[in-house]
Amino acid sequence: MPVLLSWSAKVQILKDYHAKHGHCKVPQKYRDPKSGFSLGKWVSNVRRTRSELHPWQIKQLYQDGMEFCWNVHRTTWDTWFQLLLDYQKEKHHVNPSADEEFRGKKIGGWVVQQQKLYARTILEVGTNKTESDENEEDTKTSSSKRRKAGSLGTTLSQDRIDRLNEIGFDWKAPSIVHQRKPDIRRILKVPRPTQANEDSSSS
């Protein structure tokens, strides 16, 4: 039988979860051990019905240092990005080896994943037009494609590409990408690799 609780009582259970785990990314099947309340399902429902919530309800989701997680995937990416920033401060670069760990996390594996997502992005949203052929309408269309593709979780959004570019991220895109889509890097605002990098990647 479903546990009937008021909104405030449900928020309090979420606060207790946050105090214990340090976040609000509640697994969907999670039940509060004390009350038996399906907290995970409730959190998922809150995300889906955000537009229907009253301002006072949203305000409660940010009380006592708690910050509700509206987008699980984005929050996870931001957490990994912050870890990479911390790695950069300590190691003075952002190029960990594929199997390298940092603070108990497989930071190298995450970096490789971003490189793969980037390669997929430039293949899915790129064009073969030269810079002289591209007009303003084409630019807007390609930006729209990037935003849409990035929201699917299988490619990188322009915002994430920009943030990684700002810290000197090494994309190491496969050489086949350079051959098939020679002008994609301009469309995605990513610098072309140096000749040295291209030589090392092909060796």
Protein backbone atom coordinates (compact mmCIF):
# COMPACT_ATOMS: atom_id res chain seq x y z
CA MET A 1 0.00 0.00 0.00
CA PRO A 2 1.46 3.42 -0.96
CA VAL A 3 2.73 5.55 1.91
CA LEU A 4 0.63 8.74 2.13
CA LEU A 5 2.72 11.74 3.15
CA SER A 6 2.44 15.49 2.79
CA TRP A 7 4.73 17.38 0.43
CA SER A 8 6.73 18.77 3.35
CA ALA A 9 7.16 15.30 4.83
CA LYS A 10 8.47 13.99 1.50
CA VAL A 11 10.90 16.89 1.26
CA GLN A 12 12.11 16.12 4.78
CA ILE A 13 12.86 12.53 3.75
CA LEU A 14 14.82 13.91 0.80
CA LYS A 15 16.71 16.21 3.18
CA ASP A 16 17.62 13.22 5.33
CA TYR A 17 18.85 11.40 2.23
CA HIS A 18 20.89 14.44 1.21
CA ALA A 19 22.42 14.74 4.68
CA LYS A 20 23.52 11.10 4.52
CA HIS A 21 24.67 10.86 0.88
CA GLY A 22 25.63 14.45 0.07
CA HIS A 23 23.44 14.69 -3.05
CA CYS A 24 19.86 14.37 -4.32
CA LYS A 25 20.49 11.91 -7.16
CA VAL A 26 18.21 9.29 -5.65
CA PRO A 27 18.08 5.91 -7.46
CA GLN A 28 14.60 5.35 -8.85
CA LYS A 29 14.05 2.13 -6.87
CA TYR A 30 15.21 3.61 -3.58
CA ARG A 31 12.82 3.43 -0.60
CA ASP A 32 13.29 5.28 2.66
CA PRO A 33 14.18 2.56 5.19
CA LYS A 34 12.26 4.22 8.03
CA SER A 35 8.95 5.08 6.37
CA GLY A 36 9.01 2.76 3.36
CA PHE A 37 8.33 5.77 1.14
CA SER A 38 9.38 5.34 -2.52
CA LEU A 39 11.67 8.36 -2.52
CA GLY A 40 13.30 7.50 -5.84
CA LYS A 41 10.00 7.41 -7.73
CA TRP A 42 8.86 10.62 -6.09
CA VAL A 43 12.05 12.46 -7.06
CA SER A 44 11.66 11.26 -10.66
CA ASN A 45 8.06 12.47 -10.68
CA VAL A 46 9.10 15.87 -9.32
CA ARG A 47 11.55 16.24 -12.21
CA ARG A 48 8.85 15.38 -14.76
CA THR A 49 6.27 17.76 -13.27
CA ARG A 50 8.58 20.71 -12.57
CA SER A 51 6.42 23.12 -14.59
CA GLU A 52 3.42 22.25 -12.41
CA LEU A 53 5.10 22.96 -9.07
CA HIS A 54 4.31 26.04 -7.01
CA PRO A 55 7.16 28.46 -6.20
CA TRP A 56 6.99 27.55 -2.51
CA GLN A 57 7.46 23.88 -3.38
CA ILE A 58 10.55 24.57 -5.49
CA LYS A 59 11.90 26.81 -2.69
CA GLN A 60 11.68 23.92 -0.24
CA LEU A 61 13.86 21.81 -2.54
CA TYR A 62 16.70 24.27 -1.91
CA GLN A 63 16.45 24.64 1.87
CA ASP A 64 19.15 23.80 4.43
CA GLY A 65 21.93 23.60 1.85
CA MET A 66 20.08 21.07 -0.30
CA GLU A 67 20.06 21.56 -4.07
CA PHE A 68 17.58 19.45 -6.00
CA CYS A 69 19.01 17.55 -8.98
CA TRP A 70 16.82 18.38 -11.98
CA ASN A 71 19.10 16.83 -14.58
CA VAL A 72 20.95 13.72 -13.40
CA HIS A 73 23.10 13.41 -16.52
CA ARG A 74 24.22 17.04 -16.48
CA THR A 75 25.00 16.92 -12.77
CA THR A 76 27.10 13.81 -13.27
CA TRP A 77 29.04 15.43 -16.12
CA ASP A 78 29.64 18.57 -14.09
CA THR A 79 30.96 16.44 -11.22
CA TRP A 80 33.45 14.72 -13.53
CA PHE A 81 34.44 18.04 -15.09
CA GLN A 82 35.17 19.47 -11.64
CA LEU A 83 37.27 16.40 -10.89
CA LEU A 84 39.25 17.06 -14.07
CA LEU A 85 39.78 20.67 -12.95
CA ASP A 86 41.10 19.40 -9.62
CA TYR A 87 43.32 16.95 -11.51
CA GLN A 88 44.67 19.84 -13.59
CA LYS A 89 45.52 21.87 -10.50
CA GLU A 90 47.48 18.99 -9.04
CA LYS A 91 49.05 17.49 -12.18
CA HIS A 92 49.28 20.67 -14.31
CA HIS A 93 47.72 19.00 -17.36
CA VAL A 94 44.42 17.43 -18.45
CA ASN A 95 45.72 14.35 -20.27
CA PRO A 96 45.54 11.38 -17.90
CA SER A 97 46.30 7.93 -19.26
CA ALA A 98 43.27 5.81 -20.21
CA ASP A 99 43.52 3.65 -17.07
CA GLU A 100 44.56 6.41 -14.65
CA GLU A 101 42.62 6.98 -11.45
CA PHE A 102 42.37 10.18 -9.42
CA ARG A 103 40.87 10.35 -5.95
CA GLY A 104 39.50 6.86 -6.44
CA LYS A 105 37.74 7.75 -9.71
CA LYS A 106 38.65 6.51 -13.20
CA ILE A 107 39.37 9.96 -14.60
CA GLY A 108 41.25 8.51 -17.57
CA GLY A 109 38.22 6.50 -18.65
CA TRP A 110 36.01 9.58 -18.47
CA VAL A 111 38.43 11.58 -20.61
CA VAL A 112 38.47 8.81 -23.21
CA GLN A 113 34.67 8.84 -23.18
CA GLN A 114 34.63 12.59 -23.94
CA GLN A 115 37.02 12.04 -26.83
CA LYS A 116 34.76 9.34 -28.25
CA LEU A 117 31.65 11.49 -27.82
CA TYR A 118 33.41 14.35 -29.56
CA ALA A 119 34.35 12.11 -32.51
CA ARG A 120 30.71 11.00 -32.74
CA THR A 121 29.55 14.61 -32.53
CA ILE A 122 31.64 15.86 -35.44
CA LEU A 123 30.43 12.95 -37.56
CA GLU A 124 26.74 13.45 -36.71
CA VAL A 125 26.35 17.23 -36.84
CA GLY A 126 29.09 18.23 -39.28
CA THR A 127 28.91 19.22 -42.92
CA ASN A 128 31.39 19.23 -45.79
CA LYS A 129 30.82 22.87 -46.75
CA THR A 130 33.78 25.16 -47.07
CA GLU A 131 33.94 28.31 -45.01
CA SER A 132 33.18 30.50 -48.03
CA ASP A 133 30.07 28.48 -48.82
CA GLU A 134 28.62 28.59 -45.32
CA ASN A 135 26.15 31.40 -44.72
CA GLU A 136 24.52 32.71 -41.57
CA GLU A 137 21.54 30.37 -41.88
CA ASP A 138 23.84 27.33 -42.10
CA THR A 139 25.61 28.46 -38.94
CA LYS A 140 22.35 28.74 -37.02
CA THR A 141 21.26 25.31 -38.27
CA SER A 142 24.51 23.67 -37.22
CA SER A 143 24.30 25.31 -33.75
CA SER A 144 20.75 23.99 -33.37
CA LYS A 145 21.91 20.51 -34.32
CA ARG A 146 24.70 20.68 -31.74
CA ARG A 147 22.31 21.67 -28.96
CA LYS A 148 19.84 18.93 -29.91
CA ALA A 149 22.52 16.27 -30.28
CA GLY A 150 24.18 17.23 -27.00
CA SER A 151 20.92 16.81 -25.13
CA LEU A 152 20.69 13.16 -26.17
CA GLY A 153 23.69 12.09 -24.09
CA THR A 154 25.38 10.37 -27.04
CA THR A 155 27.26 13.45 -28.29
CA LEU A 156 28.82 16.57 -26.78
CA SER A 157 26.98 19.88 -26.68
CA GLN A 158 28.77 23.04 -27.80
CA ASP A 159 28.74 24.25 -24.19
CA ARG A 160 30.68 21.21 -23.01
CA ILE A 161 33.08 21.44 -25.94
CA ASP A 162 33.73 25.08 -25.07
CA ARG A 163 34.31 24.31 -21.39
CA LEU A 164 36.79 21.55 -22.22
CA ASN A 165 38.52 23.76 -24.78
CA GLU A 166 39.03 26.45 -22.14
CA ILE A 167 41.19 24.13 -20.04
CA GLY A 168 43.23 22.87 -22.98
CA PHE A 169 41.52 19.51 -23.43
CA ASP A 170 43.24 17.20 -25.97
CA TRP A 171 40.53 15.71 -28.19
CA LYS A 172 42.72 13.18 -30.04
CA ALA A 173 39.98 12.63 -32.64
CA PRO A 174 40.48 9.52 -34.82
CA SER A 175 42.37 10.18 -38.06
CA ILE A 176 39.41 8.88 -40.09
CA VAL A 177 37.41 11.84 -38.80
CA HIS A 178 39.96 14.29 -40.20
CA GLN A 179 39.78 12.55 -43.58
CA ARG A 180 35.99 12.35 -43.89
CA LYS A 181 35.08 15.68 -42.29
CA PRO A 182 38.03 18.05 -42.82
CA ASP A 183 36.09 21.21 -41.91
CA ILE A 184 34.12 19.99 -38.88
CA ARG A 185 36.58 21.45 -36.42
CA ARG A 186 35.74 24.97 -37.67
CA ILE A 187 31.99 24.33 -37.33
CA LEU A 188 32.39 23.09 -33.76
CA LYS A 189 34.89 25.84 -32.91
CA VAL A 190 37.59 23.31 -32.00
CA PRO A 191 41.18 24.08 -33.04
CA ARG A 192 42.80 21.78 -35.55
CA PRO A 193 45.48 19.52 -34.04
CA THR A 194 49.10 20.46 -34.61
CA GLN A 195 51.14 18.59 -37.21
CA ALA A 196 53.04 16.94 -34.36
CA ASN A 197 49.85 15.55 -32.87
CA GLU A 198 48.64 14.28 -36.25
CA ASP A 199 52.00 12.58 -36.86
CA SER A 200 51.97 10.92 -33.44
CA SER A 201 48.36 9.74 -33.81
CA SER A 202 49.08 8.16 -37.17
CA SER A 203 52.20 6.34 -35.99
